[in-house]
Amino acid sequence: MGGTQELANHLSIETNLRATARVGRGVKFRSNPKLDEFGPVVYSFTPADAVADGTFVRLPKPLAAEVLYDLPVVLTRAAYEDAVLWERGLNETEDTRGYDVLWMAKRQALNALNAPGERFPYTMHRIENRTSDGRISTSLSWERICLHVVAQPYNRSGDPCITILLPNED
């Protein structure tokens, strides 16, 4: 009986922490001085560049702000298509699926901002949008998927962002 109450208290505390915590307020990344000893950077490709060329998808600012993210959130194209993209009717929309991805990532996003560049995995449930052969799915049952969260500079100015990707992506 005591174990059940402890679990309920832990879940309540965890939910309250996630509900009220802001992700990224006042965070700024600095350039790495160790890179200077190797000479000037020849080429760099930032998440902002990846959004511009369609490799990454940036979730809308109002959606991120609704879940208390104060910085850009981007997903790799594959993670977006697996977890957010919705081409079927029903009661799902890309906004509700994006909200779920952000809500479930929130705890790990807070951890990632304390360790930029490190990956933090999390799992969530989602209904598949497309089957493995590319056809639109008719399934109504959920599946558990794993996503990773990384905090990194969004642009060359060092503004931070949260990147969400599949486990097999770099």
C-alpha atoms as a PDB file:
ATOM      1  CA  MET A   1       0.000   0.000   0.000  1.00  0.00           C
ATOM      2  CA  GLY A   2       2.804   2.427   0.878  1.00  0.00           C
ATOM      3  CA  GLY A   3       4.535   1.716  -2.442  1.00  0.00           C
ATOM      4  CA  THR A   4       1.458   2.700  -4.397  1.00  0.00           C
ATOM      5  CA  GLN A   5       1.164   5.986  -2.502  1.00  0.00           C
ATOM      6  CA  GLU A   6       4.872   6.720  -3.035  1.00  0.00           C
ATOM      7  CA  LEU A   7       4.478   6.116  -6.759  1.00  0.00           C
ATOM      8  CA  ALA A   8       1.411   8.376  -6.896  1.00  0.00           C
ATOM      9  CA  ASN A   9       3.321  11.136  -5.066  1.00  0.00           C
ATOM     10  CA  HIS A  10       6.318  10.764  -7.397  1.00  0.00           C
ATOM     11  CA  LEU A  11       4.122  10.953 -10.492  1.00  0.00           C
ATOM     12  CA  SER A  12       2.332  14.003  -9.101  1.00  0.00           C
ATOM     13  CA  ILE A  13       5.648  15.777  -8.403  1.00  0.00           C
ATOM     14  CA  GLU A  14       6.996  14.815 -11.864  1.00  0.00           C
ATOM     15  CA  THR A  15       3.854  16.077 -13.603  1.00  0.00           C
ATOM     16  CA  ASN A  16       3.936  19.374 -11.699  1.00  0.00           C
ATOM     17  CA  LEU A  17       7.626  19.866 -12.488  1.00  0.00           C
ATOM     18  CA  ARG A  18       7.063  19.293 -16.183  1.00  0.00           C
ATOM     19  CA  ALA A  19       3.949  21.454 -16.233  1.00  0.00           C
ATOM     20  CA  THR A  20       5.588  24.514 -14.690  1.00  0.00           C
ATOM     21  CA  ALA A  21       9.217  24.301 -15.868  1.00  0.00           C
ATOM     22  CA  ARG A  22      10.277  26.629 -18.685  1.00  0.00           C
ATOM     23  CA  VAL A  23      12.749  25.161 -21.156  1.00  0.00           C
ATOM     24  CA  GLY A  24      15.566  27.413 -22.235  1.00  0.00           C
ATOM     25  CA  ARG A  25      14.869  30.797 -20.664  1.00  0.00           C
ATOM     26  CA  GLY A  26      18.096  32.808 -20.673  1.00  0.00           C
ATOM     27  CA  VAL A  27      20.301  29.996 -22.007  1.00  0.00           C
ATOM     28  CA  LYS A  28      23.142  30.979 -24.352  1.00  0.00           C
ATOM     29  CA  PHE A  29      25.852  28.665 -25.640  1.00  0.00           C
ATOM     30  CA  ARG A  30      29.393  29.904 -25.996  1.00  0.00           C
ATOM     31  CA  SER A  31      31.796  28.942 -28.727  1.00  0.00           C
ATOM     32  CA  ASN A  32      34.299  26.256 -27.823  1.00  0.00           C
ATOM     33  CA  PRO A  33      37.758  27.854 -27.329  1.00  0.00           C
ATOM     34  CA  LYS A  34      39.411  24.459 -27.960  1.00  0.00           C
ATOM     35  CA  LEU A  35      38.283  24.637 -31.580  1.00  0.00           C
ATOM     36  CA  ASP A  36      40.464  27.721 -32.111  1.00  0.00           C
ATOM     37  CA  GLU A  37      43.658  25.705 -31.596  1.00  0.00           C
ATOM     38  CA  PHE A  38      42.831  23.715 -34.750  1.00  0.00           C
ATOM     39  CA  GLY A  39      42.429  26.808 -36.897  1.00  0.00           C
ATOM     40  CA  PRO A  40      39.389  28.465 -38.435  1.00  0.00           C
ATOM     41  CA  VAL A  41      36.219  26.520 -39.116  1.00  0.00           C
ATOM     42  CA  VAL A  42      36.121  25.595 -42.795  1.00  0.00           C
ATOM     43  CA  TYR A  43      32.437  24.645 -42.976  1.00  0.00           C
ATOM     44  CA  SER A  44      29.575  24.380 -40.521  1.00  0.00           C
ATOM     45  CA  PHE A  45      25.949  23.348 -40.924  1.00  0.00           C
ATOM     46  CA  THR A  46      23.650  24.550 -38.162  1.00  0.00           C
ATOM     47  CA  PRO A  47      20.099  23.463 -37.350  1.00  0.00           C
ATOM     48  CA  ALA A  48      18.955  26.827 -38.784  1.00  0.00           C
ATOM     49  CA  ASP A  49      20.623  25.839 -42.091  1.00  0.00           C
ATOM     50  CA  ALA A  50      18.947  22.409 -41.912  1.00  0.00           C
ATOM     51  CA  VAL A  51      15.529  24.035 -41.389  1.00  0.00           C
ATOM     52  CA  ALA A  52      16.163  26.308 -44.378  1.00  0.00           C
ATOM     53  CA  ASP A  53      16.949  23.359 -46.678  1.00  0.00           C
ATOM     54  CA  GLY A  54      14.174  21.088 -45.322  1.00  0.00           C
ATOM     55  CA  THR A  55      16.394  18.543 -43.563  1.00  0.00           C
ATOM     56  CA  PHE A  56      14.924  19.621 -40.201  1.00  0.00           C
ATOM     57  CA  VAL A  57      11.404  20.792 -39.401  1.00  0.00           C
ATOM     58  CA  ARG A  58      10.919  23.565 -36.867  1.00  0.00           C
ATOM     59  CA  LEU A  59       7.814  23.317 -34.726  1.00  0.00           C
ATOM     60  CA  PRO A  60       5.783  26.545 -34.662  1.00  0.00           C
ATOM     61  CA  LYS A  61       6.775  29.073 -31.967  1.00  0.00           C
ATOM     62  CA  PRO A  62       3.225  29.317 -30.543  1.00  0.00           C
ATOM     63  CA  LEU A  63       3.085  25.535 -30.132  1.00  0.00           C
ATOM     64  CA  ALA A  64       6.473  25.443 -28.373  1.00  0.00           C
ATOM     65  CA  ALA A  65       5.476  28.398 -26.176  1.00  0.00           C
ATOM     66  CA  GLU A  66       2.265  26.612 -25.168  1.00  0.00           C
ATOM     67  CA  VAL A  67       4.379  23.820 -23.648  1.00  0.00           C
ATOM     68  CA  LEU A  68       6.741  26.459 -22.121  1.00  0.00           C
ATOM     69  CA  TYR A  69       9.696  26.112 -24.501  1.00  0.00           C
ATOM     70  CA  ASP A  70      11.454  29.478 -24.798  1.00  0.00           C
ATOM     71  CA  LEU A  71      13.734  28.413 -27.632  1.00  0.00           C
ATOM     72  CA  PRO A  72      13.420  26.847 -31.077  1.00  0.00           C
ATOM     73  CA  VAL A  73      12.520  23.148 -31.270  1.00  0.00           C
ATOM     74  CA  VAL A  74      13.474  21.274 -34.427  1.00  0.00           C
ATOM     75  CA  LEU A  75      12.954  17.675 -35.478  1.00  0.00           C
ATOM     76  CA  THR A  76      14.845  15.748 -38.099  1.00  0.00           C
ATOM     77  CA  ARG A  77      12.676  15.083 -41.134  1.00  0.00           C
ATOM     78  CA  ALA A  78      12.463  11.355 -40.234  1.00  0.00           C
ATOM     79  CA  ALA A  79      11.482  12.067 -36.603  1.00  0.00           C
ATOM     80  CA  TYR A  80       8.872  14.575 -37.788  1.00  0.00           C
ATOM     81  CA  GLU A  81       7.367  12.094 -40.252  1.00  0.00           C
ATOM     82  CA  ASP A  82       7.326   9.327 -37.633  1.00  0.00           C
ATOM     83  CA  ALA A  83       5.991  11.242 -34.638  1.00  0.00           C
ATOM     84  CA  VAL A  84       4.215  14.409 -35.834  1.00  0.00           C
ATOM     85  CA  LEU A  85       3.133  14.210 -39.486  1.00  0.00           C
ATOM     86  CA  TRP A  86      -0.568  13.353 -39.799  1.00  0.00           C
ATOM     87  CA  GLU A  87      -2.271  12.749 -43.127  1.00  0.00           C
ATOM     88  CA  ARG A  88      -5.340  10.932 -41.841  1.00  0.00           C
ATOM     89  CA  GLY A  89      -8.609  12.398 -40.589  1.00  0.00           C
ATOM     90  CA  LEU A  90      -9.900  11.349 -37.168  1.00  0.00           C
ATOM     91  CA  ASN A  91      -9.306  13.544 -34.141  1.00  0.00           C
ATOM     92  CA  GLU A  92      -5.532  13.856 -34.540  1.00  0.00           C
ATOM     93  CA  THR A  93      -3.767  16.887 -35.996  1.00  0.00           C
ATOM     94  CA  GLU A  94      -0.111  17.755 -36.442  1.00  0.00           C
ATOM     95  CA  ASP A  95      -0.466  20.368 -33.695  1.00  0.00           C
ATOM     96  CA  THR A  96      -1.779  17.842 -31.159  1.00  0.00           C
ATOM     97  CA  ARG A  97       0.906  15.343 -32.124  1.00  0.00           C
ATOM     98  CA  GLY A  98       3.593  18.062 -31.926  1.00  0.00           C
ATOM     99  CA  TYR A  99       2.279  19.060 -28.504  1.00  0.00           C
ATOM    100  CA  ASP A 100       2.581  15.446 -27.340  1.00  0.00           C
ATOM    101  CA  VAL A 101       6.166  15.210 -28.620  1.00  0.00           C
ATOM    102  CA  LEU A 102       7.100  18.440 -26.795  1.00  0.00           C
ATOM    103  CA  TRP A 103       5.333  17.489 -23.574  1.00  0.00           C
ATOM    104  CA  MET A 104       6.950  14.060 -23.413  1.00  0.00           C
ATOM    105  CA  ALA A 105      10.396  15.486 -24.286  1.00  0.00           C
ATOM    106  CA  LYS A 106      10.253  18.240 -21.696  1.00  0.00           C
ATOM    107  CA  ARG A 107      12.062  16.491 -18.832  1.00  0.00           C
ATOM    108  CA  GLN A 108      14.858  15.345 -21.131  1.00  0.00           C
ATOM    109  CA  ALA A 109      15.050  18.765 -22.799  1.00  0.00           C
ATOM    110  CA  LEU A 110      15.736  20.300 -19.380  1.00  0.00           C
ATOM    111  CA  ASN A 111      18.466  17.689 -18.825  1.00  0.00           C
ATOM    112  CA  ALA A 112      19.922  18.287 -22.305  1.00  0.00           C
ATOM    113  CA  LEU A 113      20.339  22.015 -21.680  1.00  0.00           C
ATOM    114  CA  ASN A 114      22.605  21.136 -18.748  1.00  0.00           C
ATOM    115  CA  ALA A 115      24.744  18.893 -20.981  1.00  0.00           C
ATOM    116  CA  PRO A 116      24.779  20.363 -24.528  1.00  0.00           C
ATOM    117  CA  GLY A 117      25.597  17.866 -27.240  1.00  0.00           C
ATOM    118  CA  GLU A 118      24.617  14.808 -25.206  1.00  0.00           C
ATOM    119  CA  ARG A 119      21.646  12.683 -26.263  1.00  0.00           C
ATOM    120  CA  PHE A 120      18.788  12.039 -23.871  1.00  0.00           C
ATOM    121  CA  PRO A 121      16.329   9.306 -24.929  1.00  0.00           C
ATOM    122  CA  TYR A 122      12.638   9.219 -24.077  1.00  0.00           C
ATOM    123  CA  THR A 123       9.697   7.105 -25.139  1.00  0.00           C
ATOM    124  CA  MET A 124       6.170   8.011 -26.041  1.00  0.00           C
ATOM    125  CA  HIS A 125       3.120   6.476 -27.671  1.00  0.00           C
ATOM    126  CA  ARG A 126       1.774   7.431 -31.061  1.00  0.00           C
ATOM    127  CA  ILE A 127      -0.535   6.053 -33.716  1.00  0.00           C
ATOM    128  CA  GLU A 128       1.386   5.384 -36.910  1.00  0.00           C
ATOM    129  CA  ASN A 129       0.612   7.660 -39.838  1.00  0.00           C
ATOM    130  CA  ARG A 130       2.112   5.481 -42.583  1.00  0.00           C
ATOM    131  CA  THR A 131       2.907   1.785 -42.822  1.00  0.00           C
ATOM    132  CA  SER A 132       6.454   0.526 -43.369  1.00  0.00           C
ATOM    133  CA  ASP A 133       5.755   0.246 -47.123  1.00  0.00           C
ATOM    134  CA  GLY A 134       4.736   3.941 -47.277  1.00  0.00           C
ATOM    135  CA  ARG A 135       0.951   3.609 -47.484  1.00  0.00           C
ATOM    136  CA  ILE A 136      -1.303   5.629 -45.190  1.00  0.00           C
ATOM    137  CA  SER A 137      -2.057   3.463 -42.185  1.00  0.00           C
ATOM    138  CA  THR A 138      -5.552   2.529 -41.053  1.00  0.00           C
ATOM    139  CA  SER A 139      -4.394   1.393 -37.612  1.00  0.00           C
ATOM    140  CA  LEU A 140      -6.016   2.937 -34.555  1.00  0.00           C
ATOM    141  CA  SER A 141      -3.705   1.329 -32.014  1.00  0.00           C
ATOM    142  CA  TRP A 142      -0.765   3.136 -30.525  1.00  0.00           C
ATOM    143  CA  GLU A 143       2.861   2.067 -30.629  1.00  0.00           C
ATOM    144  CA  ARG A 144       5.716   2.990 -28.341  1.00  0.00           C
ATOM    145  CA  ILE A 145       8.524   4.870 -30.074  1.00  0.00           C
ATOM    146  CA  CYS A 146      11.857   6.155 -28.819  1.00  0.00           C
ATOM    147  CA  LEU A 147      13.133   9.631 -29.635  1.00  0.00           C
ATOM    148  CA  HIS A 148      16.293  11.439 -28.551  1.00  0.00           C
ATOM    149  CA  VAL A 149      16.713  15.028 -27.393  1.00  0.00           C
ATOM    150  CA  VAL A 150      19.877  17.092 -27.905  1.00  0.00           C
ATOM    151  CA  ALA A 151      20.543  20.705 -26.945  1.00  0.00           C
ATOM    152  CA  GLN A 152      22.825  22.492 -29.386  1.00  0.00           C
ATOM    153  CA  PRO A 153      23.427  25.911 -30.924  1.00  0.00           C
ATOM    154  CA  TYR A 154      20.685  26.791 -33.420  1.00  0.00           C
ATOM    155  CA  ASN A 155      22.759  29.257 -35.412  1.00  0.00           C
ATOM    156  CA  ARG A 156      26.275  30.644 -35.598  1.00  0.00           C
ATOM    157  CA  SER A 157      25.458  33.179 -32.862  1.00  0.00           C
ATOM    158  CA  GLY A 158      25.161  30.387 -30.286  1.00  0.00           C
ATOM    159  CA  ASP A 159      21.432  30.716 -29.674  1.00  0.00           C
ATOM    160  CA  PRO A 160      20.317  27.359 -28.217  1.00  0.00           C
ATOM    161  CA  CYS A 161      17.737  24.985 -29.615  1.00  0.00           C
ATOM    162  CA  ILE A 162      16.332  21.588 -28.810  1.00  0.00           C
ATOM    163  CA  THR A 163      16.720  18.972 -31.535  1.00  0.00           C
ATOM    164  CA  ILE A 164      14.586  15.824 -31.503  1.00  0.00           C
ATOM    165  CA  LEU A 165      15.759  12.877 -33.575  1.00  0.00           C
ATOM    166  CA  LEU A 166      15.371   9.135 -34.009  1.00  0.00           C
ATOM    167  CA  PRO A 167      17.836   6.856 -32.160  1.00  0.00           C
ATOM    168  CA  ASN A 168      19.598   5.823 -35.395  1.00  0.00           C
ATOM    169  CA  GLU A 169      20.223   9.409 -36.586  1.00  0.00           C
ATOM    170  CA  ASP A 170      23.284  11.601 -35.989  1.00  0.00           C
END
